[in-house]
Amino acid sequence: MNGLSGTLGDIFWNLAPAIVYSSGSELGATIYVANPTEEAKEYALMARLSSGDTVISEESVRVFGAAWFTVDPGEFIRLHGAFRFDDTDAVLSLMLIERETGEVADAVSSNLVSPEAAASGWPIGWPGGASVLTSDLSWLMPLMILGIGVVGMAAATSGEPEKKREAVAAPVAEPKLLPRGRGE
């Protein structure tokens, strides 16, 4: 599964990589499903809640009251909905399944962290922090590169001496007098 792109379809959502989630509460989400192909495709959504290698629950997500929905070629649809789970400290994955091949075309996931684990003050995955396991840390690399770039630019500019600028005064021109008007 590729988090950035699928050849049969793409799925994105507005959920963060980790969310503080209380068991039994509603988790609202906006989901985008895109069809990058040149023909209409039928898709289904499957929600999976897991902890490590253990699948806690897996269920079909109904869209417009049906298990399968169509997305026109080169188009995307926006879906608004909510999830509710009895478990937390788990990984929520939403898989996009293409009907013709039956393959998982793309998937997104988010860590659901209990308020107790989040209150520890430690980042997720650190000793003493939330014990949710994740394998998708792809968001971390661009952040590290950006940080290194900022530090490098700051170091490069701090070593340069400031250039002194001298003010150059333009010569002041004599004001011109207007000619006398009529009757004066």
Protein backbone atom coordinates (compact mmCIF):
# COMPACT_ATOMS: atom_id res chain seq x y z
CA MET A 1 0.00 0.00 0.00
CA ASN A 2 1.35 3.38 -0.98
CA GLY A 3 0.35 6.36 1.18
CA LEU A 4 0.84 8.86 -1.62
CA SER A 5 -0.67 7.38 -4.74
CA GLY A 6 -2.49 4.38 -6.11
CA THR A 7 -2.71 3.41 -9.75
CA LEU A 8 -6.34 2.25 -9.45
CA GLY A 9 -7.49 5.01 -7.08
CA ASP A 10 -6.38 7.42 -4.37
CA ILE A 11 -7.79 8.14 -0.92
CA PHE A 12 -7.05 11.08 1.39
CA TRP A 13 -8.63 12.38 4.58
CA ASN A 14 -8.41 15.30 6.95
CA LEU A 15 -7.37 13.28 10.02
CA ALA A 16 -3.98 13.88 11.62
CA PRO A 17 -1.45 11.01 11.91
CA ALA A 18 -2.34 10.76 15.63
CA ILE A 19 -5.59 11.79 17.33
CA VAL A 20 -6.61 11.78 20.98
CA TYR A 21 -9.73 9.59 20.95
CA SER A 22 -12.09 8.55 23.76
CA SER A 23 -13.78 5.17 23.34
CA GLY A 24 -17.36 5.44 22.11
CA SER A 25 -17.16 9.03 20.90
CA GLU A 26 -17.74 10.10 17.29
CA LEU A 27 -14.73 10.86 15.12
CA GLY A 28 -15.76 13.09 12.20
CA ALA A 29 -13.81 12.91 8.96
CA THR A 30 -13.82 14.26 5.44
CA ILE A 31 -12.66 11.63 2.97
CA TYR A 32 -11.59 12.26 -0.62
CA VAL A 33 -11.60 9.45 -3.18
CA ALA A 34 -9.97 10.16 -6.56
CA ASN A 35 -10.04 8.13 -9.76
CA PRO A 36 -6.78 8.79 -11.67
CA THR A 37 -7.69 6.38 -14.49
CA GLU A 38 -9.37 7.08 -17.83
CA GLU A 39 -12.49 5.01 -17.09
CA ALA A 40 -15.18 5.11 -14.40
CA LYS A 41 -14.29 2.93 -11.39
CA GLU A 42 -16.36 1.40 -8.62
CA TYR A 43 -14.88 1.50 -5.13
CA ALA A 44 -15.68 0.33 -1.62
CA LEU A 45 -14.28 1.54 1.71
CA MET A 46 -13.16 -0.81 4.48
CA ALA A 47 -12.35 0.47 7.99
CA ARG A 48 -9.88 -1.58 10.05
CA LEU A 49 -8.94 -1.01 13.67
CA SER A 50 -5.75 -2.80 14.70
CA SER A 51 -3.15 -2.94 17.42
CA GLY A 52 0.22 -4.21 16.23
CA ASP A 53 -0.51 -7.33 14.15
CA THR A 54 -3.90 -7.93 15.81
CA VAL A 55 -7.03 -6.84 13.93
CA ILE A 56 -9.54 -5.57 16.50
CA SER A 57 -12.36 -4.92 14.03
CA GLU A 58 -12.92 -4.64 10.31
CA GLU A 59 -16.09 -3.43 8.63
CA SER A 60 -17.42 -2.06 5.36
CA VAL A 61 -18.16 1.67 5.26
CA ARG A 62 -21.40 2.41 3.44
CA VAL A 63 -21.37 5.37 1.05
CA PHE A 64 -24.73 6.87 0.07
CA GLY A 65 -26.33 3.77 1.62
CA ALA A 66 -24.45 1.30 -0.60
CA ALA A 67 -21.28 -0.76 -0.27
CA TRP A 68 -19.97 0.25 -3.75
CA PHE A 69 -19.87 3.73 -5.27
CA THR A 70 -18.68 5.08 -8.63
CA VAL A 71 -16.13 7.80 -9.34
CA ASP A 72 -15.89 9.18 -12.88
CA PRO A 73 -12.52 9.15 -14.72
CA GLY A 74 -10.15 11.92 -13.62
CA GLU A 75 -12.60 13.05 -10.93
CA PHE A 76 -12.84 12.87 -7.13
CA ILE A 77 -15.65 12.83 -4.61
CA ARG A 78 -15.76 14.29 -1.12
CA LEU A 79 -17.45 12.26 1.61
CA HIS A 80 -18.39 13.52 5.07
CA GLY A 81 -18.97 11.01 7.85
CA ALA A 82 -18.10 9.81 11.32
CA PHE A 83 -16.60 6.72 12.92
CA ARG A 84 -17.30 5.33 16.38
CA PHE A 85 -15.21 2.64 18.09
CA ASP A 86 -15.25 0.96 21.49
CA ASP A 87 -11.45 0.73 21.48
CA THR A 88 -8.64 3.26 21.52
CA ASP A 89 -4.84 3.08 21.56
CA ALA A 90 -5.09 1.47 18.12
CA VAL A 91 -4.50 2.30 14.45
CA LEU A 92 -7.51 3.22 12.31
CA SER A 93 -6.94 2.38 8.64
CA LEU A 94 -9.34 3.19 5.82
CA MET A 95 -8.75 1.09 2.72
CA LEU A 96 -9.99 1.90 -0.79
CA ILE A 97 -10.92 -1.29 -2.64
CA GLU A 98 -11.30 -1.29 -6.43
CA ARG A 99 -14.17 -3.56 -7.55
CA GLU A 100 -12.84 -5.01 -10.83
CA THR A 101 -9.58 -6.31 -9.36
CA GLY A 102 -10.68 -6.62 -5.73
CA GLU A 103 -7.35 -5.06 -4.74
CA VAL A 104 -6.70 -2.47 -2.07
CA ALA A 105 -5.97 0.50 -4.33
CA ASP A 106 -4.83 2.85 -1.56
CA ALA A 107 -5.14 3.36 2.20
CA VAL A 108 -4.81 6.00 4.89
CA SER A 109 -4.33 5.54 8.62
CA SER A 110 -4.32 7.43 11.89
CA ASN A 111 -3.35 6.47 15.44
CA LEU A 112 -6.19 6.72 17.96
CA VAL A 113 -4.58 7.59 21.29
CA SER A 114 -6.48 7.39 24.59
CA PRO A 115 -6.64 10.59 26.65
CA GLU A 116 -4.75 8.79 29.44
CA ALA A 117 -1.85 7.90 27.14
CA ALA A 118 -1.84 11.40 25.63
CA ALA A 119 -1.76 12.96 29.12
CA SER A 120 1.63 11.40 29.80
CA GLY A 121 3.16 14.34 27.94
CA TRP A 122 5.46 12.11 25.90
CA PRO A 123 5.17 11.86 22.13
CA ILE A 124 3.53 8.76 20.69
CA GLY A 125 5.93 5.83 20.52
CA TRP A 126 8.42 7.21 23.06
CA PRO A 127 9.06 5.32 26.29
CA GLY A 128 6.37 6.43 28.70
CA GLY A 129 4.24 7.77 25.86
CA ALA A 130 1.37 6.16 24.00
CA SER A 131 2.07 2.57 23.02
CA VAL A 132 0.47 2.76 19.58
CA LEU A 133 2.72 1.20 16.96
CA THR A 134 2.98 2.80 13.55
CA SER A 135 5.00 2.10 10.48
CA ASP A 136 4.17 5.28 8.55
CA LEU A 137 6.64 7.99 9.54
CA SER A 138 6.89 9.40 6.01
CA TRP A 139 5.67 12.79 7.26
CA LEU A 140 8.78 13.10 9.46
CA MET A 141 11.42 13.24 6.69
CA PRO A 142 10.25 16.49 5.00
CA LEU A 143 9.99 18.09 8.43
CA MET A 144 13.58 17.12 9.28
CA ILE A 145 14.87 18.38 5.91
CA LEU A 146 13.04 21.67 6.42
CA GLY A 147 14.58 22.05 9.89
CA ILE A 148 18.08 21.35 8.59
CA GLY A 149 17.55 23.88 5.79
CA VAL A 150 16.42 26.59 8.20
CA VAL A 151 19.40 25.98 10.52
CA GLY A 152 21.77 26.01 7.53
CA MET A 153 20.38 29.30 6.21
CA ALA A 154 20.61 30.89 9.66
CA ALA A 155 24.22 29.72 10.04
CA ALA A 156 25.16 31.00 6.59
CA THR A 157 23.75 34.47 7.16
CA SER A 158 25.08 34.87 10.71
CA GLY A 159 28.71 34.59 9.60
CA GLU A 160 28.56 37.42 7.06
CA PRO A 161 29.57 40.88 8.25
CA GLU A 162 27.00 43.56 7.73
CA LYS A 163 27.69 45.84 4.83
CA LYS A 164 27.87 49.48 5.77
CA ARG A 165 25.69 51.67 3.71
CA GLU A 166 26.58 55.28 3.23
CA ALA A 167 23.87 57.77 2.67
CA VAL A 168 24.41 59.71 -0.48
CA ALA A 169 22.77 63.09 -0.45
CA ALA A 170 21.56 64.42 -3.74
CA PRO A 171 22.41 68.06 -4.39
CA VAL A 172 19.53 70.35 -3.52
CA ALA A 173 18.35 72.29 -6.53
CA GLU A 174 17.45 75.97 -6.28
CA PRO A 175 13.69 76.42 -6.29
CA LYS A 176 12.35 77.95 -9.50
CA LEU A 177 10.25 81.02 -9.25
CA LEU A 178 7.10 81.24 -11.28
CA PRO A 179 6.80 84.14 -13.71
CA ARG A 180 4.65 87.02 -12.67
CA GLY A 181 1.05 86.78 -13.77
CA ARG A 182 -1.01 89.42 -15.60
CA GLY A 183 -1.90 92.49 -13.76
CA GLU A 184 0.84 92.30 -11.25
